[in-house]
Amino acid sequence: MSDWGVGYSRALMAAQGVGFEPTPHLDGDAYTKFVRGTMDLVMRGRDDFSEDFVSGVSEGAVAAWERRIAQEIVQ
C-alpha cells in the first residue's frame, strides 16, 4: 500500500476516537477541530512524514468528517 493509502486508512481509524460536536449550523469550527484532532492522532509520535502520507491523512480526515455528517443527517 502506498504512503497515501496508509495515511488515509489511519485517518479513518483515528477519527473514531475524535469527539464529534456538531454545531447547529455545522460551521467551520467543528469541522476544523475534528479534522485537526484526527490528523494529530495519526501523526502523534512520528517525526518523519512523506508528502503523500500527510496528503492521505488529510483526505482521510475530511472523508471521516463527511461520513459523520452523513450519519447525523440520516439519524
PDB file of N, CA and C in Angstrom:
ATOM      1  N   MET A   1       0.843  -1.175   0.000  1.00  0.00           N
ATOM      2  CA  MET A   1       0.000   0.000   0.000  1.00  0.00           C
ATOM      3  C   MET A   1       0.891   1.242   0.000  1.00  0.00           C
ATOM      4  N   SER A   2       0.482   2.235  -0.744  1.00  0.00           N
ATOM      5  CA  SER A   2       1.263   3.472  -0.848  1.00  0.00           C
ATOM      6  C   SER A   2       1.198   4.270   0.454  1.00  0.00           C
ATOM      7  N   ASP A   3       2.106   5.221   0.595  1.00  0.00           N
ATOM      8  CA  ASP A   3       2.083   6.109   1.762  1.00  0.00           C
ATOM      9  C   ASP A   3       0.744   6.829   1.873  1.00  0.00           C
ATOM     10  N   TRP A   4       0.191   7.259   0.724  1.00  0.00           N
ATOM     11  CA  TRP A   4      -1.090   7.953   0.731  1.00  0.00           C
ATOM     12  C   TRP A   4      -2.181   7.035   1.290  1.00  0.00           C
ATOM     13  N   GLY A   5      -2.218   5.810   0.820  1.00  0.00           N
ATOM     14  CA  GLY A   5      -3.230   4.850   1.270  1.00  0.00           C
ATOM     15  C   GLY A   5      -3.111   4.539   2.751  1.00  0.00           C
ATOM     16  N   VAL A   6      -1.888   4.427   3.232  1.00  0.00           N
ATOM     17  CA  VAL A   6      -1.665   4.163   4.654  1.00  0.00           C
ATOM     18  C   VAL A   6      -2.157   5.354   5.471  1.00  0.00           C
ATOM     19  N   GLY A   7      -1.815   6.553   5.056  1.00  0.00           N
ATOM     20  CA  GLY A   7      -2.261   7.749   5.766  1.00  0.00           C
ATOM     21  C   GLY A   7      -3.770   7.878   5.767  1.00  0.00           C
ATOM     22  N   TYR A   8      -4.392   7.597   4.636  1.00  0.00           N
ATOM     23  CA  TYR A   8      -5.846   7.688   4.503  1.00  0.00           C
ATOM     24  C   TYR A   8      -6.533   6.696   5.442  1.00  0.00           C
ATOM     25  N   SER A   9      -6.095   5.455   5.415  1.00  0.00           N
ATOM     26  CA  SER A   9      -6.738   4.442   6.257  1.00  0.00           C
ATOM     27  C   SER A   9      -6.494   4.697   7.741  1.00  0.00           C
ATOM     28  N   ARG A  10      -5.319   5.175   8.093  1.00  0.00           N
ATOM     29  CA  ARG A  10      -5.053   5.500   9.503  1.00  0.00           C
ATOM     30  C   ARG A  10      -5.925   6.656   9.977  1.00  0.00           C
ATOM     31  N   ALA A  11      -6.160   7.616   9.111  1.00  0.00           N
ATOM     32  CA  ALA A  11      -7.023   8.737   9.477  1.00  0.00           C
ATOM     33  C   ALA A  11      -8.455   8.262   9.713  1.00  0.00           C
ATOM     34  N   LEU A  12      -8.947   7.371   8.857  1.00  0.00           N
ATOM     35  CA  LEU A  12     -10.301   6.852   9.046  1.00  0.00           C
ATOM     36  C   LEU A  12     -10.425   6.112  10.374  1.00  0.00           C
ATOM     37  N   MET A  13      -9.400   5.355  10.734  1.00  0.00           N
ATOM     38  CA  MET A  13      -9.427   4.633  12.017  1.00  0.00           C
ATOM     39  C   MET A  13      -9.311   5.602  13.185  1.00  0.00           C
ATOM     40  N   ALA A  14      -8.411   6.565  13.086  1.00  0.00           N
ATOM     41  CA  ALA A  14      -8.192   7.514  14.183  1.00  0.00           C
ATOM     42  C   ALA A  14      -9.422   8.375  14.429  1.00  0.00           C
ATOM     43  N   ALA A  15     -10.171   8.675  13.380  1.00  0.00           N
ATOM     44  CA  ALA A  15     -11.336   9.550  13.508  1.00  0.00           C
ATOM     45  C   ALA A  15     -12.386   8.966  14.446  1.00  0.00           C
ATOM     46  N   GLN A  16     -12.373   7.659  14.622  1.00  0.00           N
ATOM     47  CA  GLN A  16     -13.335   7.032  15.522  1.00  0.00           C
ATOM     48  C   GLN A  16     -13.112   7.462  16.965  1.00  0.00           C
ATOM     49  N   GLY A  17     -11.904   7.892  17.284  1.00  0.00           N
ATOM     50  CA  GLY A  17     -11.588   8.320  18.633  1.00  0.00           C
ATOM     51  C   GLY A  17     -11.641   9.821  18.841  1.00  0.00           C
ATOM     52  N   VAL A  18     -12.077  10.550  17.822  1.00  0.00           N
ATOM     53  CA  VAL A  18     -12.133  12.006  17.915  1.00  0.00           C
ATOM     54  C   VAL A  18     -13.560  12.417  18.246  1.00  0.00           C
ATOM     55  N   GLY A  19     -13.691  13.341  19.184  1.00  0.00           N
ATOM     56  CA  GLY A  19     -15.014  13.829  19.548  1.00  0.00           C
ATOM     57  C   GLY A  19     -15.686  14.533  18.393  1.00  0.00           C
ATOM     58  N   PHE A  20     -16.978  14.349  18.325  1.00  0.00           N
ATOM     59  CA  PHE A  20     -17.757  14.972  17.257  1.00  0.00           C
ATOM     60  C   PHE A  20     -18.782  15.879  17.902  1.00  0.00           C
ATOM     61  N   GLU A  21     -18.630  17.173  17.694  1.00  0.00           N
ATOM     62  CA  GLU A  21     -19.528  18.146  18.304  1.00  0.00           C
ATOM     63  C   GLU A  21     -20.136  19.028  17.215  1.00  0.00           C
ATOM     64  N   PRO A  22     -21.171  18.531  16.563  1.00  0.00           N
ATOM     65  CA  PRO A  22     -21.780  19.361  15.523  1.00  0.00           C
ATOM     66  C   PRO A  22     -22.441  20.580  16.142  1.00  0.00           C
ATOM     67  N   THR A  23     -22.282  21.694  15.489  1.00  0.00           N
ATOM     68  CA  THR A  23     -22.929  22.921  15.943  1.00  0.00           C
ATOM     69  C   THR A  23     -24.237  23.061  15.173  1.00  0.00           C
ATOM     70  N   PRO A  24     -25.143  23.876  15.652  1.00  0.00           N
ATOM     71  CA  PRO A  24     -26.446  23.989  14.975  1.00  0.00           C
ATOM     72  C   PRO A  24     -26.355  24.299  13.486  1.00  0.00           C
ATOM     73  N   HIS A  25     -25.347  25.058  13.099  1.00  0.00           N
ATOM     74  CA  HIS A  25     -25.222  25.430  11.689  1.00  0.00           C
ATOM     75  C   HIS A  25     -24.078  24.699  10.995  1.00  0.00           C
ATOM     76  N   LEU A  26     -23.484  23.726  11.676  1.00  0.00           N
ATOM     77  CA  LEU A  26     -22.339  22.976  11.132  1.00  0.00           C
ATOM     78  C   LEU A  26     -21.301  23.927  10.557  1.00  0.00           C
ATOM     79  N   ASP A  27     -20.915  24.900  11.362  1.00  0.00           N
ATOM     80  CA  ASP A  27     -19.929  25.879  10.907  1.00  0.00           C
ATOM     81  C   ASP A  27     -18.538  25.268  10.812  1.00  0.00           C
ATOM     82  N   GLY A  28     -17.622  26.029  10.312  1.00  0.00           N
ATOM     83  CA  GLY A  28     -16.271  25.545  10.072  1.00  0.00           C
ATOM     84  C   GLY A  28     -15.488  25.205  11.324  1.00  0.00           C
ATOM     85  N   ASP A  29     -15.885  25.740  12.473  1.00  0.00           N
ATOM     86  CA  ASP A  29     -15.137  25.492  13.699  1.00  0.00           C
ATOM     87  C   ASP A  29     -15.175  24.013  14.097  1.00  0.00           C
ATOM     88  N   ALA A  30     -16.333  23.401  14.065  1.00  0.00           N
ATOM     89  CA  ALA A  30     -16.445  21.981  14.410  1.00  0.00           C
ATOM     90  C   ALA A  30     -15.673  21.131  13.396  1.00  0.00           C
ATOM     91  N   TYR A  31     -15.777  21.493  12.138  1.00  0.00           N
ATOM     92  CA  TYR A  31     -15.058  20.793  11.076  1.00  0.00           C
ATOM     93  C   TYR A  31     -13.551  20.868  11.311  1.00  0.00           C
ATOM     94  N   THR A  32     -13.069  22.076  11.573  1.00  0.00           N
ATOM     95  CA  THR A  32     -11.638  22.280  11.785  1.00  0.00           C
ATOM     96  C   THR A  32     -11.140  21.489  12.989  1.00  0.00           C
ATOM     97  N   LYS A  33     -11.865  21.519  14.087  1.00  0.00           N
ATOM     98  CA  LYS A  33     -11.463  20.777  15.283  1.00  0.00           C
ATOM     99  C   LYS A  33     -11.416  19.286  15.013  1.00  0.00           C
ATOM    100  N   PHE A  34     -12.395  18.770  14.302  1.00  0.00           N
ATOM    101  CA  PHE A  34     -12.452  17.337  14.007  1.00  0.00           C
ATOM    102  C   PHE A  34     -11.289  16.916  13.114  1.00  0.00           C
ATOM    103  N   VAL A  35     -11.089  17.633  12.025  1.00  0.00           N
ATOM    104  CA  VAL A  35     -10.015  17.278  11.083  1.00  0.00           C
ATOM    105  C   VAL A  35      -8.652  17.424  11.756  1.00  0.00           C
ATOM    106  N   ARG A  36      -8.448  18.510  12.474  1.00  0.00           N
ATOM    107  CA  ARG A  36      -7.169  18.723  13.159  1.00  0.00           C
ATOM    108  C   ARG A  36      -6.941  17.640  14.221  1.00  0.00           C
ATOM    109  N   GLY A  37      -7.974  17.308  14.983  1.00  0.00           N
ATOM    110  CA  GLY A  37      -7.852  16.268  16.005  1.00  0.00           C
ATOM    111  C   GLY A  37      -7.513  14.919  15.406  1.00  0.00           C
ATOM    112  N   THR A  38      -8.137  14.598  14.283  1.00  0.00           N
ATOM    113  CA  THR A  38      -7.854  13.338  13.595  1.00  0.00           C
ATOM    114  C   THR A  38      -6.412  13.304  13.104  1.00  0.00           C
ATOM    115  N   MET A  39      -5.980  14.377  12.479  1.00  0.00           N
ATOM    116  CA  MET A  39      -4.615  14.425  11.970  1.00  0.00           C
ATOM    117  C   MET A  39      -3.602  14.354  13.108  1.00  0.00           C
ATOM    118  N   ASP A  40      -3.879  15.030  14.209  1.00  0.00           N
ATOM    119  CA  ASP A  40      -2.978  14.985  15.364  1.00  0.00           C
ATOM    120  C   ASP A  40      -2.836  13.565  15.908  1.00  0.00           C
ATOM    121  N   LEU A  41      -3.954  12.833  15.980  1.00  0.00           N
ATOM    122  CA  LEU A  41      -3.892  11.455  16.467  1.00  0.00           C
ATOM    123  C   LEU A  41      -3.012  10.581  15.584  1.00  0.00           C
ATOM    124  N   VAL A  42      -3.153  10.733  14.282  1.00  0.00           N
ATOM    125  CA  VAL A  42      -2.378   9.906  13.347  1.00  0.00           C
ATOM    126  C   VAL A  42      -0.895  10.246  13.413  1.00  0.00           C
ATOM    127  N   MET A  43      -0.571  11.514  13.516  1.00  0.00           N
ATOM    128  CA  MET A  43       0.820  11.941  13.418  1.00  0.00           C
ATOM    129  C   MET A  43       1.545  12.021  14.755  1.00  0.00           C
ATOM    130  N   ARG A  44       0.838  11.803  15.830  1.00  0.00           N
ATOM    131  CA  ARG A  44       1.455  11.879  17.159  1.00  0.00           C
ATOM    132  C   ARG A  44       2.592  10.858  17.272  1.00  0.00           C
ATOM    133  N   GLY A  45       3.718  11.324  17.747  1.00  0.00           N
ATOM    134  CA  GLY A  45       4.847  10.434  17.996  1.00  0.00           C
ATOM    135  C   GLY A  45       5.710  10.124  16.783  1.00  0.00           C
ATOM    136  N   ARG A  46       5.376  10.682  15.645  1.00  0.00           N
ATOM    137  CA  ARG A  46       6.177  10.452  14.446  1.00  0.00           C
ATOM    138  C   ARG A  46       6.866  11.746  14.048  1.00  0.00           C
ATOM    139  N   ASP A  47       8.079  11.612  13.561  1.00  0.00           N
ATOM    140  CA  ASP A  47       8.842  12.797  13.175  1.00  0.00           C
ATOM    141  C   ASP A  47       8.989  12.954  11.670  1.00  0.00           C
ATOM    142  N   ASP A  48       8.977  11.859  10.962  1.00  0.00           N
ATOM    143  CA  ASP A  48       9.226  11.939   9.526  1.00  0.00           C
ATOM    144  C   ASP A  48       7.982  11.491   8.759  1.00  0.00           C
ATOM    145  N   PHE A  49       7.507  12.371   7.907  1.00  0.00           N
ATOM    146  CA  PHE A  49       6.323  12.095   7.104  1.00  0.00           C
ATOM    147  C   PHE A  49       6.636  12.370   5.648  1.00  0.00           C
ATOM    148  N   SER A  50       6.153  11.491   4.797  1.00  0.00           N
ATOM    149  CA  SER A  50       6.265  11.800   3.376  1.00  0.00           C
ATOM    150  C   SER A  50       5.096  12.710   3.012  1.00  0.00           C
ATOM    151  N   GLU A  51       5.260  13.439   1.958  1.00  0.00           N
ATOM    152  CA  GLU A  51       4.200  14.330   1.491  1.00  0.00           C
ATOM    153  C   GLU A  51       2.944  13.540   1.146  1.00  0.00           C
ATOM    154  N   ASP A  52       3.117  12.364   0.565  1.00  0.00           N
ATOM    155  CA  ASP A  52       1.976  11.514   0.220  1.00  0.00           C
ATOM    156  C   ASP A  52       1.238  11.041   1.470  1.00  0.00           C
ATOM    157  N   PHE A  53       1.969  10.693   2.524  1.00  0.00           N
ATOM    158  CA  PHE A  53       1.356  10.250   3.769  1.00  0.00           C
ATOM    159  C   PHE A  53       0.493  11.360   4.364  1.00  0.00           C
ATOM    160  N   VAL A  54       1.043  12.566   4.450  1.00  0.00           N
ATOM    161  CA  VAL A  54       0.300  13.706   5.006  1.00  0.00           C
ATOM    162  C   VAL A  54      -0.931  14.006   4.155  1.00  0.00           C
ATOM    163  N   SER A  55      -0.799  13.917   2.858  1.00  0.00           N
ATOM    164  CA  SER A  55      -1.936  14.141   1.967  1.00  0.00           C
ATOM    165  C   SER A  55      -3.025  13.101   2.219  1.00  0.00           C
ATOM    166  N   GLY A  56      -2.627  11.846   2.382  1.00  0.00           N
ATOM    167  CA  GLY A  56      -3.593  10.782   2.665  1.00  0.00           C
ATOM    168  C   GLY A  56      -4.284  10.983   4.001  1.00  0.00           C
ATOM    169  N   VAL A  57      -3.518  11.403   5.006  1.00  0.00           N
ATOM    170  CA  VAL A  57      -4.094  11.658   6.325  1.00  0.00           C
ATOM    171  C   VAL A  57      -5.118  12.793   6.225  1.00  0.00           C
ATOM    172  N   SER A  58      -4.751  13.843   5.538  1.00  0.00           N
ATOM    173  CA  SER A  58      -5.648  14.989   5.387  1.00  0.00           C
ATOM    174  C   SER A  58      -6.944  14.593   4.681  1.00  0.00           C
ATOM    175  N   GLU A  59      -6.820  13.884   3.577  1.00  0.00           N
ATOM    176  CA  GLU A  59      -8.008  13.477   2.831  1.00  0.00           C
ATOM    177  C   GLU A  59      -8.835  12.455   3.600  1.00  0.00           C
ATOM    178  N   GLY A  60      -8.184  11.589   4.358  1.00  0.00           N
ATOM    179  CA  GLY A  60      -8.902  10.628   5.188  1.00  0.00           C
ATOM    180  C   GLY A  60      -9.671  11.306   6.301  1.00  0.00           C
ATOM    181  N   ALA A  61      -9.088  12.340   6.894  1.00  0.00           N
ATOM    182  CA  ALA A  61      -9.771  13.085   7.961  1.00  0.00           C
ATOM    183  C   ALA A  61     -11.006  13.795   7.414  1.00  0.00           C
ATOM    184  N   VAL A  62     -10.890  14.371   6.234  1.00  0.00           N
ATOM    185  CA  VAL A  62     -12.035  15.039   5.608  1.00  0.00           C
ATOM    186  C   VAL A  62     -13.119  14.012   5.268  1.00  0.00           C
ATOM    187  N   ALA A  63     -12.717  12.860   4.745  1.00  0.00           N
ATOM    188  CA  ALA A  63     -13.690  11.814   4.424  1.00  0.00           C
ATOM    189  C   ALA A  63     -14.405  11.327   5.686  1.00  0.00           C
ATOM    190  N   ALA A  64     -13.679  11.212   6.792  1.00  0.00           N
ATOM    191  CA  ALA A  64     -14.280  10.784   8.051  1.00  0.00           C
ATOM    192  C   ALA A  64     -15.307  11.813   8.520  1.00  0.00           C
ATOM    193  N   TRP A  65     -14.994  13.105   8.379  1.00  0.00           N
ATOM    194  CA  TRP A  65     -15.936  14.160   8.737  1.00  0.00           C
ATOM    195  C   TRP A  65     -17.216  14.037   7.891  1.00  0.00           C
ATOM    196  N   GLU A  66     -17.040  13.850   6.604  1.00  0.00           N
ATOM    197  CA  GLU A  66     -18.194  13.740   5.706  1.00  0.00           C
ATOM    198  C   GLU A  66     -19.059  12.541   6.064  1.00  0.00           C
ATOM    199  N   ARG A  67     -18.443  11.443   6.468  1.00  0.00           N
ATOM    200  CA  ARG A  67     -19.204  10.264   6.906  1.00  0.00           C
ATOM    201  C   ARG A  67     -20.001  10.578   8.170  1.00  0.00           C
ATOM    202  N   ARG A  68     -19.362  11.275   9.110  1.00  0.00           N
ATOM    203  CA  ARG A  68     -20.058  11.629  10.358  1.00  0.00           C
ATOM    204  C   ARG A  68     -21.259  12.531  10.069  1.00  0.00           C
ATOM    205  N   ILE A  69     -21.079  13.499   9.190  1.00  0.00           N
ATOM    206  CA  ILE A  69     -22.170  14.405   8.839  1.00  0.00           C
ATOM    207  C   ILE A  69     -23.299  13.618   8.195  1.00  0.00           C
ATOM    208  N   ALA A  70     -22.957  12.712   7.285  1.00  0.00           N
ATOM    209  CA  ALA A  70     -23.983  11.900   6.632  1.00  0.00           C
ATOM    210  C   ALA A  70     -24.754  11.064   7.652  1.00  0.00           C
ATOM    211  N   GLN A  71     -24.068  10.532   8.664  1.00  0.00           N
ATOM    212  CA  GLN A  71     -24.735   9.755   9.702  1.00  0.00           C
ATOM    213  C   GLN A  71     -25.673  10.634  10.515  1.00  0.00           C
ATOM    214  N   GLU A  72     -25.252  11.863  10.812  1.00  0.00           N
ATOM    215  CA  GLU A  72     -26.089  12.773  11.584  1.00  0.00           C
ATOM    216  C   GLU A  72     -27.351  13.149  10.813  1.00  0.00           C
ATOM    217  N   ILE A  73     -27.237  13.316   9.518  1.00  0.00           N
ATOM    218  CA  ILE A  73     -28.378  13.696   8.703  1.00  0.00           C
ATOM    219  C   ILE A  73     -29.385  12.552   8.650  1.00  0.00           C
ATOM    220  N   VAL A  74     -28.897  11.321   8.545  1.00  0.00           N
ATOM    221  CA  VAL A  74     -29.762  10.147   8.481  1.00  0.00           C
ATOM    222  C   VAL A  74     -30.510   9.944   9.794  1.00  0.00           C
ATOM    223  N   GLN A  75     -29.858  10.205  10.907  1.00  0.00           N
ATOM    224  CA  GLN A  75     -30.485   9.999  12.210  1.00  0.00           C
ATOM    225  C   GLN A  75     -31.395  11.099  12.469  1.00  0.00           C
TER     226      GLN A  75
END
